[in-house]
Amino acid sequence: MDYGKEFEKFAIKDQGISSTYYNKIVSSMFPESMTPYIIEERQLNISQLDVFSRLMMDRIIFMGTAINDQIANIIQAQLLFLESADATKDIQIYINSPGGSVYAGLGIYDTM
């Protein structure tokens, strides 16, 4: 299962985030030149993934920017998606943030 693509579908269809806005946020958070890629080798299949999609496959959310309403929406949608995919497994969040909006942070906290 490609969690990156599944999450994009979930965010756009179920959460009502516009695809243009989603792509803008994802590309601004992870510029192409800064995003490392991983070659994933499986039986009879080799694929290239960005590191953040690979982390999502392992149920890890990485937040490395200041928290605002847009970032909070993405993080909340990721949490809801991973919960709907398998409610029995844990979700890990790694935060490297200088701070940001208290209300947006509380939205993430409420979702957790």
PDB file of N, CA and C in Angstrom:
ATOM      1  N   MET A   1       0.848  -1.175   0.000  1.00  0.00           N
ATOM      2  CA  MET A   1       0.000   0.000   0.000  1.00  0.00           C
ATOM      3  C   MET A   1       0.893   1.236   0.000  1.00  0.00           C
ATOM      4  N   ASP A   2       0.662   2.140  -0.911  1.00  0.00           N
ATOM      5  CA  ASP A   2       1.418   3.395  -0.989  1.00  0.00           C
ATOM      6  C   ASP A   2       0.701   4.440  -0.144  1.00  0.00           C
ATOM      7  N   TYR A   3       1.179   4.629   1.088  1.00  0.00           N
ATOM      8  CA  TYR A   3       0.513   5.537   2.021  1.00  0.00           C
ATOM      9  C   TYR A   3       0.520   6.976   1.532  1.00  0.00           C
ATOM     10  N   GLY A   4       1.543   7.372   0.783  1.00  0.00           N
ATOM     11  CA  GLY A   4       1.592   8.740   0.272  1.00  0.00           C
ATOM     12  C   GLY A   4       0.422   9.037  -0.644  1.00  0.00           C
ATOM     13  N   LYS A   5       0.188   8.147  -1.590  1.00  0.00           N
ATOM     14  CA  LYS A   5      -0.918   8.333  -2.532  1.00  0.00           C
ATOM     15  C   LYS A   5      -2.271   8.134  -1.847  1.00  0.00           C
ATOM     16  N   GLU A   6      -2.339   7.157  -0.949  1.00  0.00           N
ATOM     17  CA  GLU A   6      -3.590   6.926  -0.220  1.00  0.00           C
ATOM     18  C   GLU A   6      -3.936   8.132   0.654  1.00  0.00           C
ATOM     19  N   PHE A   7      -2.915   8.720   1.298  1.00  0.00           N
ATOM     20  CA  PHE A   7      -3.175   9.893   2.128  1.00  0.00           C
ATOM     21  C   PHE A   7      -3.630  11.069   1.272  1.00  0.00           C
ATOM     22  N   GLU A   8      -3.021  11.227   0.104  1.00  0.00           N
ATOM     23  CA  GLU A   8      -3.432  12.324  -0.780  1.00  0.00           C
ATOM     24  C   GLU A   8      -4.906  12.176  -1.164  1.00  0.00           C
ATOM     25  N   LYS A   9      -5.323  10.962  -1.502  1.00  0.00           N
ATOM     26  CA  LYS A   9      -6.731  10.718  -1.825  1.00  0.00           C
ATOM     27  C   LYS A   9      -7.626  11.024  -0.618  1.00  0.00           C
ATOM     28  N   PHE A  10      -7.198  10.566   0.562  1.00  0.00           N
ATOM     29  CA  PHE A  10      -7.966  10.790   1.784  1.00  0.00           C
ATOM     30  C   PHE A  10      -8.099  12.284   2.075  1.00  0.00           C
ATOM     31  N   ALA A  11      -6.998  13.023   1.962  1.00  0.00           N
ATOM     32  CA  ALA A  11      -7.014  14.462   2.270  1.00  0.00           C
ATOM     33  C   ALA A  11      -7.922  15.213   1.305  1.00  0.00           C
ATOM     34  N   ILE A  12      -7.864  14.851   0.033  1.00  0.00           N
ATOM     35  CA  ILE A  12      -8.625  15.582  -0.978  1.00  0.00           C
ATOM     36  C   ILE A  12     -10.099  15.181  -0.964  1.00  0.00           C
ATOM     37  N   LYS A  13     -10.375  13.874  -0.943  1.00  0.00           N
ATOM     38  CA  LYS A  13     -11.768  13.424  -1.011  1.00  0.00           C
ATOM     39  C   LYS A  13     -12.493  13.544   0.323  1.00  0.00           C
ATOM     40  N   ASP A  14     -11.917  12.975   1.367  1.00  0.00           N
ATOM     41  CA  ASP A  14     -12.641  12.858   2.635  1.00  0.00           C
ATOM     42  C   ASP A  14     -12.527  14.097   3.515  1.00  0.00           C
ATOM     43  N   GLN A  15     -11.394  14.793   3.457  1.00  0.00           N
ATOM     44  CA  GLN A  15     -11.199  15.938   4.333  1.00  0.00           C
ATOM     45  C   GLN A  15     -11.501  17.266   3.647  1.00  0.00           C
ATOM     46  N   GLY A  16     -11.745  17.244   2.346  1.00  0.00           N
ATOM     47  CA  GLY A  16     -12.135  18.449   1.626  1.00  0.00           C
ATOM     48  C   GLY A  16     -11.001  19.429   1.360  1.00  0.00           C
ATOM     49  N   ILE A  17      -9.755  18.967   1.457  1.00  0.00           N
ATOM     50  CA  ILE A  17      -8.612  19.835   1.143  1.00  0.00           C
ATOM     51  C   ILE A  17      -8.474  19.857  -0.379  1.00  0.00           C
ATOM     52  N   SER A  18      -8.394  21.048  -0.970  1.00  0.00           N
ATOM     53  CA  SER A  18      -8.298  21.118  -2.428  1.00  0.00           C
ATOM     54  C   SER A  18      -6.957  20.558  -2.881  1.00  0.00           C
ATOM     55  N   SER A  19      -6.953  19.916  -4.037  1.00  0.00           N
ATOM     56  CA  SER A  19      -5.721  19.286  -4.531  1.00  0.00           C
ATOM     57  C   SER A  19      -4.640  20.321  -4.805  1.00  0.00           C
ATOM     58  N   THR A  20      -5.020  21.484  -5.291  1.00  0.00           N
ATOM     59  CA  THR A  20      -4.038  22.545  -5.533  1.00  0.00           C
ATOM     60  C   THR A  20      -3.399  22.985  -4.232  1.00  0.00           C
ATOM     61  N   TYR A  21      -4.221  23.172  -3.224  1.00  0.00           N
ATOM     62  CA  TYR A  21      -3.715  23.602  -1.922  1.00  0.00           C
ATOM     63  C   TYR A  21      -2.840  22.516  -1.298  1.00  0.00           C
ATOM     64  N   TYR A  22      -3.271  21.254  -1.396  1.00  0.00           N
ATOM     65  CA  TYR A  22      -2.503  20.131  -0.863  1.00  0.00           C
ATOM     66  C   TYR A  22      -1.121  20.084  -1.497  1.00  0.00           C
ATOM     67  N   ASN A  23      -1.074  20.161  -2.830  1.00  0.00           N
ATOM     68  CA  ASN A  23       0.212  20.100  -3.531  1.00  0.00           C
ATOM     69  C   ASN A  23       1.092  21.295  -3.188  1.00  0.00           C
ATOM     70  N   LYS A  24       0.485  22.459  -3.004  1.00  0.00           N
ATOM     71  CA  LYS A  24       1.248  23.657  -2.628  1.00  0.00           C
ATOM     72  C   LYS A  24       1.895  23.476  -1.258  1.00  0.00           C
ATOM     73  N   ILE A  25       1.125  22.974  -0.299  1.00  0.00           N
ATOM     74  CA  ILE A  25       1.648  22.770   1.055  1.00  0.00           C
ATOM     75  C   ILE A  25       2.741  21.702   1.058  1.00  0.00           C
ATOM     76  N   VAL A  26       2.494  20.591   0.400  1.00  0.00           N
ATOM     77  CA  VAL A  26       3.484  19.514   0.386  1.00  0.00           C
ATOM     78  C   VAL A  26       4.772  19.976  -0.284  1.00  0.00           C
ATOM     79  N   SER A  27       4.649  20.692  -1.398  1.00  0.00           N
ATOM     80  CA  SER A  27       5.862  21.147  -2.085  1.00  0.00           C
ATOM     81  C   SER A  27       6.584  22.244  -1.313  1.00  0.00           C
ATOM     82  N   SER A  28       5.849  23.060  -0.554  1.00  0.00           N
ATOM     83  CA  SER A  28       6.522  24.092   0.235  1.00  0.00           C
ATOM     84  C   SER A  28       7.189  23.499   1.470  1.00  0.00           C
ATOM     85  N   MET A  29       6.594  22.444   2.024  1.00  0.00           N
ATOM     86  CA  MET A  29       7.192  21.795   3.191  1.00  0.00           C
ATOM     87  C   MET A  29       8.437  21.011   2.801  1.00  0.00           C
ATOM     88  N   PHE A  30       8.380  20.408   1.649  1.00  0.00           N
ATOM     89  CA  PHE A  30       9.457  19.539   1.212  1.00  0.00           C
ATOM     90  C   PHE A  30       9.864  19.891  -0.219  1.00  0.00           C
ATOM     91  N   PRO A  31      10.654  20.961  -0.400  1.00  0.00           N
ATOM     92  CA  PRO A  31      11.067  21.329  -1.747  1.00  0.00           C
ATOM     93  C   PRO A  31      11.791  20.172  -2.428  1.00  0.00           C
ATOM     94  N   GLU A  32      11.619  20.065  -3.728  1.00  0.00           N
ATOM     95  CA  GLU A  32      12.188  18.946  -4.483  1.00  0.00           C
ATOM     96  C   GLU A  32      13.686  18.794  -4.259  1.00  0.00           C
ATOM     97  N   SER A  33      14.395  19.903  -4.194  1.00  0.00           N
ATOM     98  CA  SER A  33      15.839  19.808  -4.043  1.00  0.00           C
ATOM     99  C   SER A  33      16.243  19.372  -2.641  1.00  0.00           C
ATOM    100  N   MET A  34      15.351  19.522  -1.672  1.00  0.00           N
ATOM    101  CA  MET A  34      15.674  19.182  -0.294  1.00  0.00           C
ATOM    102  C   MET A  34      15.148  17.810   0.117  1.00  0.00           C
ATOM    103  N   THR A  35      14.259  17.225  -0.646  1.00  0.00           N
ATOM    104  CA  THR A  35      13.638  15.971  -0.260  1.00  0.00           C
ATOM    105  C   THR A  35      14.499  14.788  -0.697  1.00  0.00           C
ATOM    106  N   PRO A  36      14.998  14.027   0.263  1.00  0.00           N
ATOM    107  CA  PRO A  36      15.771  12.839  -0.116  1.00  0.00           C
ATOM    108  C   PRO A  36      14.839  11.720  -0.586  1.00  0.00           C
ATOM    109  N   TYR A  37      15.331  10.929  -1.501  1.00  0.00           N
ATOM    110  CA  TYR A  37      14.554   9.808  -2.009  1.00  0.00           C
ATOM    111  C   TYR A  37      15.208   8.501  -1.594  1.00  0.00           C
ATOM    112  N   ILE A  38      14.393   7.491  -1.443  1.00  0.00           N
ATOM    113  CA  ILE A  38      14.835   6.167  -1.024  1.00  0.00           C
ATOM    114  C   ILE A  38      14.430   5.187  -2.114  1.00  0.00           C
ATOM    115  N   ILE A  39      15.326   4.297  -2.451  1.00  0.00           N
ATOM    116  CA  ILE A  39      14.991   3.223  -3.384  1.00  0.00           C
ATOM    117  C   ILE A  39      14.512   2.046  -2.539  1.00  0.00           C
ATOM    118  N   GLU A  40      13.258   1.718  -2.700  1.00  0.00           N
ATOM    119  CA  GLU A  40      12.628   0.634  -1.951  1.00  0.00           C
ATOM    120  C   GLU A  40      12.643  -0.614  -2.819  1.00  0.00           C
ATOM    121  N   GLU A  41      13.246  -1.670  -2.323  1.00  0.00           N
ATOM    122  CA  GLU A  41      13.357  -2.901  -3.090  1.00  0.00           C
ATOM    123  C   GLU A  41      12.517  -3.972  -2.415  1.00  0.00           C
ATOM    124  N   ARG A  42      11.543  -4.477  -3.142  1.00  0.00           N
ATOM    125  CA  ARG A  42      10.697  -5.557  -2.649  1.00  0.00           C
ATOM    126  C   ARG A  42      10.757  -6.685  -3.656  1.00  0.00           C
ATOM    127  N   GLN A  43      10.163  -7.780  -3.302  1.00  0.00           N
ATOM    128  CA  GLN A  43      10.172  -8.927  -4.196  1.00  0.00           C
ATOM    129  C   GLN A  43       9.523  -8.558  -5.528  1.00  0.00           C
ATOM    130  N   LEU A  44      10.285  -8.643  -6.603  1.00  0.00           N
ATOM    131  CA  LEU A  44       9.839  -8.352  -7.967  1.00  0.00           C
ATOM    132  C   LEU A  44       9.403  -6.901  -8.175  1.00  0.00           C
ATOM    133  N   ASN A  45       9.825  -5.995  -7.316  1.00  0.00           N
ATOM    134  CA  ASN A  45       9.398  -4.611  -7.453  1.00  0.00           C
ATOM    135  C   ASN A  45      10.446  -3.676  -6.855  1.00  0.00           C
ATOM    136  N   ILE A  46      10.792  -2.647  -7.604  1.00  0.00           N
ATOM    137  CA  ILE A  46      11.683  -1.601  -7.115  1.00  0.00           C
ATOM    138  C   ILE A  46      10.978  -0.275  -7.352  1.00  0.00           C
ATOM    139  N   SER A  47      10.931   0.571  -6.322  1.00  0.00           N
ATOM    140  CA  SER A  47      10.276   1.859  -6.483  1.00  0.00           C
ATOM    141  C   SER A  47      11.067   2.938  -5.756  1.00  0.00           C
ATOM    142  N   GLN A  48      10.870   4.166  -6.205  1.00  0.00           N
ATOM    143  CA  GLN A  48      11.519   5.316  -5.594  1.00  0.00           C
ATOM    144  C   GLN A  48      10.483   6.077  -4.778  1.00  0.00           C
ATOM    145  N   LEU A  49      10.786   6.315  -3.512  1.00  0.00           N
ATOM    146  CA  LEU A  49       9.880   7.022  -2.609  1.00  0.00           C
ATOM    147  C   LEU A  49      10.608   8.194  -1.979  1.00  0.00           C
ATOM    148  N   ASP A  50       9.858   9.279  -1.720  1.00  0.00           N
ATOM    149  CA  ASP A  50      10.472  10.316  -0.911  1.00  0.00           C
ATOM    150  C   ASP A  50      10.449   9.835   0.529  1.00  0.00           C
ATOM    151  N   VAL A  51      11.364  10.340   1.329  1.00  0.00           N
ATOM    152  CA  VAL A  51      11.543   9.835   2.687  1.00  0.00           C
ATOM    153  C   VAL A  51      10.289  10.035   3.539  1.00  0.00           C
ATOM    154  N   PHE A  52       9.513  11.072   3.290  1.00  0.00           N
ATOM    155  CA  PHE A  52       8.320  11.332   4.091  1.00  0.00           C
ATOM    156  C   PHE A  52       7.207  10.321   3.791  1.00  0.00           C
ATOM    157  N   SER A  53       7.092   9.876   2.551  1.00  0.00           N
ATOM    158  CA  SER A  53       6.132   8.821   2.220  1.00  0.00           C
ATOM    159  C   SER A  53       6.545   7.510   2.868  1.00  0.00           C
ATOM    160  N   ARG A  54       7.846   7.265   2.889  1.00  0.00           N
ATOM    161  CA  ARG A  54       8.338   6.043   3.528  1.00  0.00           C
ATOM    162  C   ARG A  54       8.060   6.067   5.030  1.00  0.00           C
ATOM    163  N   LEU A  55       8.235   7.225   5.656  1.00  0.00           N
ATOM    164  CA  LEU A  55       7.918   7.346   7.077  1.00  0.00           C
ATOM    165  C   LEU A  55       6.432   7.092   7.324  1.00  0.00           C
ATOM    166  N   MET A  56       5.566   7.598   6.441  1.00  0.00           N
ATOM    167  CA  MET A  56       4.123   7.365   6.582  1.00  0.00           C
ATOM    168  C   MET A  56       3.808   5.874   6.499  1.00  0.00           C
ATOM    169  N   MET A  57       4.528   5.144   5.655  1.00  0.00           N
ATOM    170  CA  MET A  57       4.318   3.703   5.555  1.00  0.00           C
ATOM    171  C   MET A  57       4.620   3.024   6.888  1.00  0.00           C
ATOM    172  N   ASP A  58       5.551   3.589   7.654  1.00  0.00           N
ATOM    173  CA  ASP A  58       5.899   3.046   8.966  1.00  0.00           C
ATOM    174  C   ASP A  58       5.103   3.704  10.088  1.00  0.00           C
ATOM    175  N   ARG A  59       4.054   4.458   9.719  1.00  0.00           N
ATOM    176  CA  ARG A  59       3.157   5.123  10.667  1.00  0.00           C
ATOM    177  C   ARG A  59       3.899   6.160  11.514  1.00  0.00           C
ATOM    178  N   ILE A  60       4.802   6.885  10.847  1.00  0.00           N
ATOM    179  CA  ILE A  60       5.560   7.948  11.494  1.00  0.00           C
ATOM    180  C   ILE A  60       5.220   9.258  10.799  1.00  0.00           C
ATOM    181  N   ILE A  61       4.836  10.263  11.595  1.00  0.00           N
ATOM    182  CA  ILE A  61       4.547  11.601  11.077  1.00  0.00           C
ATOM    183  C   ILE A  61       5.693  12.508  11.507  1.00  0.00           C
ATOM    184  N   PHE A  62       6.268  13.225  10.571  1.00  0.00           N
ATOM    185  CA  PHE A  62       7.365  14.145  10.863  1.00  0.00           C
ATOM    186  C   PHE A  62       6.888  15.571  10.637  1.00  0.00           C
ATOM    187  N   MET A  63       7.002  16.397  11.665  1.00  0.00           N
ATOM    188  CA  MET A  63       6.614  17.800  11.558  1.00  0.00           C
ATOM    189  C   MET A  63       7.865  18.634  11.818  1.00  0.00           C
ATOM    190  N   GLY A  64       8.380  19.289  10.789  1.00  0.00           N
ATOM    191  CA  GLY A  64       9.632  20.015  10.909  1.00  0.00           C
ATOM    192  C   GLY A  64       9.511  21.478  10.550  1.00  0.00           C
ATOM    193  N   THR A  65       8.392  22.088  10.862  1.00  0.00           N
ATOM    194  CA  THR A  65       8.188  23.494  10.536  1.00  0.00           C
ATOM    195  C   THR A  65       7.293  24.130  11.596  1.00  0.00           C
ATOM    196  N   ALA A  66       7.171  25.439  11.549  1.00  0.00           N
ATOM    197  CA  ALA A  66       6.280  26.131  12.484  1.00  0.00           C
ATOM    198  C   ALA A  66       4.838  25.693  12.234  1.00  0.00           C
ATOM    199  N   ILE A  67       4.065  25.626  13.296  1.00  0.00           N
ATOM    200  CA  ILE A  67       2.678  25.173  13.195  1.00  0.00           C
ATOM    201  C   ILE A  67       1.774  26.359  12.854  1.00  0.00           C
ATOM    202  N   ASN A  68       1.044  26.204  11.755  1.00  0.00           N
ATOM    203  CA  ASN A  68      -0.002  27.166  11.395  1.00  0.00           C
ATOM    204  C   ASN A  68      -1.245  26.355  11.031  1.00  0.00           C
ATOM    205  N   ASP A  69      -2.295  27.021  10.624  1.00  0.00           N
ATOM    206  CA  ASP A  69      -3.546  26.317  10.326  1.00  0.00           C
ATOM    207  C   ASP A  69      -3.377  25.279   9.218  1.00  0.00           C
ATOM    208  N   GLN A  70      -2.621  25.614   8.178  1.00  0.00           N
ATOM    209  CA  GLN A  70      -2.448  24.700   7.053  1.00  0.00           C
ATOM    210  C   GLN A  70      -1.663  23.454   7.469  1.00  0.00           C
ATOM    211  N   ILE A  71      -0.580  23.654   8.199  1.00  0.00           N
ATOM    212  CA  ILE A  71       0.223  22.515   8.650  1.00  0.00           C
ATOM    213  C   ILE A  71      -0.602  21.650   9.603  1.00  0.00           C
ATOM    214  N   ALA A  72      -1.355  22.288  10.490  1.00  0.00           N
ATOM    215  CA  ALA A  72      -2.201  21.546  11.421  1.00  0.00           C
ATOM    216  C   ALA A  72      -3.225  20.698  10.671  1.00  0.00           C
ATOM    217  N   ASN A  73      -3.806  21.241   9.600  1.00  0.00           N
ATOM    218  CA  ASN A  73      -4.767  20.472   8.803  1.00  0.00           C
ATOM    219  C   ASN A  73      -4.119  19.229   8.199  1.00  0.00           C
ATOM    220  N   ILE A  74      -2.913  19.377   7.684  1.00  0.00           N
ATOM    221  CA  ILE A  74      -2.207  18.242   7.088  1.00  0.00           C
ATOM    222  C   ILE A  74      -1.892  17.192   8.156  1.00  0.00           C
ATOM    223  N   ILE A  75      -1.368  17.619   9.300  1.00  0.00           N
ATOM    224  CA  ILE A  75      -1.016  16.683  10.373  1.00  0.00           C
ATOM    225  C   ILE A  75      -2.268  15.972  10.893  1.00  0.00           C
ATOM    226  N   GLN A  76      -3.357  16.719  11.068  1.00  0.00           N
ATOM    227  CA  GLN A  76      -4.606  16.110  11.530  1.00  0.00           C
ATOM    228  C   GLN A  76      -5.124  15.105  10.507  1.00  0.00           C
ATOM    229  N   ALA A  77      -5.046  15.440   9.243  1.00  0.00           N
ATOM    230  CA  ALA A  77      -5.500  14.512   8.202  1.00  0.00           C
ATOM    231  C   ALA A  77      -4.627  13.255   8.188  1.00  0.00           C
ATOM    232  N   GLN A  78      -3.308  13.407   8.394  1.00  0.00           N
ATOM    233  CA  GLN A  78      -2.428  12.237   8.449  1.00  0.00           C
ATOM    234  C   GLN A  78      -2.799  11.350   9.638  1.00  0.00           C
ATOM    235  N   LEU A  79      -3.041  11.960  10.795  1.00  0.00           N
ATOM    236  CA  LEU A  79      -3.437  11.187  11.973  1.00  0.00           C
ATOM    237  C   LEU A  79      -4.746  10.433  11.728  1.00  0.00           C
ATOM    238  N   LEU A  80      -5.728  11.117  11.159  1.00  0.00           N
ATOM    239  CA  LEU A  80      -7.016  10.478  10.892  1.00  0.00           C
ATOM    240  C   LEU A  80      -6.882   9.356   9.863  1.00  0.00           C
ATOM    241  N   PHE A  81      -6.057   9.580   8.844  1.00  0.00           N
ATOM    242  CA  PHE A  81      -5.847   8.555   7.823  1.00  0.00           C
ATOM    243  C   PHE A  81      -5.210   7.306   8.420  1.00  0.00           C
ATOM    244  N   LEU A  82      -4.132   7.489   9.174  1.00  0.00           N
ATOM    245  CA  LEU A  82      -3.449   6.334   9.757  1.00  0.00           C
ATOM    246  C   LEU A  82      -4.351   5.603  10.752  1.00  0.00           C
ATOM    247  N   GLU A  83      -5.164   6.347  11.484  1.00  0.00           N
ATOM    248  CA  GLU A  83      -6.119   5.720  12.415  1.00  0.00           C
ATOM    249  C   GLU A  83      -7.151   4.897  11.653  1.00  0.00           C
ATOM    250  N   SER A  84      -7.628   5.418  10.522  1.00  0.00           N
ATOM    251  CA  SER A  84      -8.633   4.676   9.744  1.00  0.00           C
ATOM    252  C   SER A  84      -8.013   3.475   9.031  1.00  0.00           C
ATOM    253  N   ALA A  85      -6.722   3.542   8.723  1.00  0.00           N
ATOM    254  CA  ALA A  85      -6.059   2.423   8.048  1.00  0.00           C
ATOM    255  C   ALA A  85      -5.898   1.233   8.992  1.00  0.00           C
ATOM    256  N   ASP A  86      -5.536   1.489  10.255  1.00  0.00           N
ATOM    257  CA  ASP A  86      -5.398   0.421  11.241  1.00  0.00           C
ATOM    258  C   ASP A  86      -5.417   1.033  12.638  1.00  0.00           C
ATOM    259  N   ALA A  87      -6.545   0.914  13.307  1.00  0.00           N
ATOM    260  CA  ALA A  87      -6.718   1.544  14.619  1.00  0.00           C
ATOM    261  C   ALA A  87      -5.962   0.830  15.733  1.00  0.00           C
ATOM    262  N   THR A  88      -5.452  -0.377  15.466  1.00  0.00           N
ATOM    263  CA  THR A  88      -4.774  -1.132  16.525  1.00  0.00           C
ATOM    264  C   THR A  88      -3.289  -0.797  16.639  1.00  0.00           C
ATOM    265  N   LYS A  89      -2.704  -0.193  15.612  1.00  0.00           N
ATOM    266  CA  LYS A  89      -1.271   0.103  15.631  1.00  0.00           C
ATOM    267  C   LYS A  89      -1.018   1.528  16.112  1.00  0.00           C
ATOM    268  N   ASP A  90       0.138   1.713  16.748  1.00  0.00           N
ATOM    269  CA  ASP A  90       0.532   3.034  17.235  1.00  0.00           C
ATOM    270  C   ASP A  90       0.968   3.940  16.090  1.00  0.00           C
ATOM    271  N   ILE A  91       0.846   5.243  16.319  1.00  0.00           N
ATOM    272  CA  ILE A  91       1.326   6.272  15.394  1.00  0.00           C
ATOM    273  C   ILE A  91       2.381   7.072  16.145  1.00  0.00           C
ATOM    274  N   GLN A  92       3.527   7.278  15.515  1.00  0.00           N
ATOM    275  CA  GLN A  92       4.589   8.067  16.140  1.00  0.00           C
ATOM    276  C   GLN A  92       4.668   9.422  15.462  1.00  0.00           C
ATOM    277  N   ILE A  93       4.868  10.469  16.266  1.00  0.00           N
ATOM    278  CA  ILE A  93       5.026  11.819  15.733  1.00  0.00           C
ATOM    279  C   ILE A  93       6.362  12.362  16.214  1.00  0.00           C
ATOM    280  N   TYR A  94       7.165  12.823  15.275  1.00  0.00           N
ATOM    281  CA  TYR A  94       8.431  13.474  15.594  1.00  0.00           C
ATOM    282  C   TYR A  94       8.272  14.958  15.298  1.00  0.00           C
ATOM    283  N   ILE A  95       8.503  15.780  16.309  1.00  0.00           N
ATOM    284  CA  ILE A  95       8.288  17.219  16.183  1.00  0.00           C
ATOM    285  C   ILE A  95       9.618  17.950  16.286  1.00  0.00           C
ATOM    286  N   ASN A  96       9.917  18.746  15.281  1.00  0.00           N
ATOM    287  CA  ASN A  96      11.079  19.630  15.273  1.00  0.00           C
ATOM    288  C   ASN A  96      10.553  20.997  14.834  1.00  0.00           C
ATOM    289  N   SER A  97       9.859  21.656  15.741  1.00  0.00           N
ATOM    290  CA  SER A  97       9.152  22.886  15.404  1.00  0.00           C
ATOM    291  C   SER A  97       9.578  24.028  16.314  1.00  0.00           C
ATOM    292  N   PRO A  98       9.746  25.224  15.743  1.00  0.00           N
ATOM    293  CA  PRO A  98      10.076  26.377  16.587  1.00  0.00           C
ATOM    294  C   PRO A  98       8.858  26.940  17.312  1.00  0.00           C
ATOM    295  N   GLY A  99       7.682  26.404  17.061  1.00  0.00           N
ATOM    296  CA  GLY A  99       6.460  26.899  17.706  1.00  0.00           C
ATOM    297  C   GLY A  99       5.411  27.208  16.662  1.00  0.00           C
ATOM    298  N   GLY A 100       4.641  28.246  16.913  1.00  0.00           N
ATOM    299  CA  GLY A 100       3.615  28.636  15.954  1.00  0.00           C
ATOM    300  C   GLY A 100       2.316  28.959  16.646  1.00  0.00           C
ATOM    301  N   SER A 101       1.231  28.737  15.943  1.00  0.00           N
ATOM    302  CA  SER A 101      -0.104  29.068  16.425  1.00  0.00           C
ATOM    303  C   SER A 101      -0.538  28.099  17.526  1.00  0.00           C
ATOM    304  N   VAL A 102      -0.947  28.651  18.656  1.00  0.00           N
ATOM    305  CA  VAL A 102      -1.426  27.825  19.769  1.00  0.00           C
ATOM    306  C   VAL A 102      -2.705  27.111  19.371  1.00  0.00           C
ATOM    307  N   TYR A 103      -3.629  27.815  18.718  1.00  0.00           N
ATOM    308  CA  TYR A 103      -4.906  27.202  18.332  1.00  0.00           C
ATOM    309  C   TYR A 103      -4.702  26.053  17.343  1.00  0.00           C
ATOM    310  N   ALA A 104      -3.788  26.226  16.403  1.00  0.00           N
ATOM    311  CA  ALA A 104      -3.504  25.152  15.447  1.00  0.00           C
ATOM    312  C   ALA A 104      -2.885  23.957  16.169  1.00  0.00           C
ATOM    313  N   GLY A 105      -1.985  24.232  17.101  1.00  0.00           N
ATOM    314  CA  GLY A 105      -1.377  23.153  17.889  1.00  0.00           C
ATOM    315  C   GLY A 105      -2.401  22.413  18.732  1.00  0.00           C
ATOM    316  N   LEU A 106      -3.359  23.138  19.288  1.00  0.00           N
ATOM    317  CA  LEU A 106      -4.407  22.502  20.075  1.00  0.00           C
ATOM    318  C   LEU A 106      -5.305  21.623  19.202  1.00  0.00           C
ATOM    319  N   GLY A 107      -5.472  22.011  17.938  1.00  0.00           N
ATOM    320  CA  GLY A 107      -6.232  21.170  17.009  1.00  0.00           C
ATOM    321  C   GLY A 107      -5.540  19.826  16.801  1.00  0.00           C
ATOM    322  N   ILE A 108      -4.217  19.858  16.664  1.00  0.00           N
ATOM    323  CA  ILE A 108      -3.447  18.610  16.533  1.00  0.00           C
ATOM    324  C   ILE A 108      -3.578  17.796  17.818  1.00  0.00           C
ATOM    325  N   TYR A 109      -3.446  18.468  18.948  1.00  0.00           N
ATOM    326  CA  TYR A 109      -3.547  17.805  20.256  1.00  0.00           C
ATOM    327  C   TYR A 109      -4.911  17.129  20.418  1.00  0.00           C
ATOM    328  N   ASP A 110      -5.980  17.815  20.027  1.00  0.00           N
ATOM    329  CA  ASP A 110      -7.328  17.248  20.129  1.00  0.00           C
ATOM    330  C   ASP A 110      -7.479  16.014  19.242  1.00  0.00           C
ATOM    331  N   THR A 111      -6.860  16.045  18.073  1.00  0.00           N
ATOM    332  CA  THR A 111      -6.952  14.904  17.160  1.00  0.00           C
ATOM    333  C   THR A 111      -6.211  13.693  17.719  1.00  0.00           C
ATOM    334  N   MET A 112      -5.086  13.963  18.414  1.00  0.00           N
ATOM    335  CA  MET A 112      -4.347  12.844  19.013  1.00  0.00           C
ATOM    336  C   MET A 112      -5.185  12.216  20.105  1.00  0.00           C
TER     337      MET A 112
END
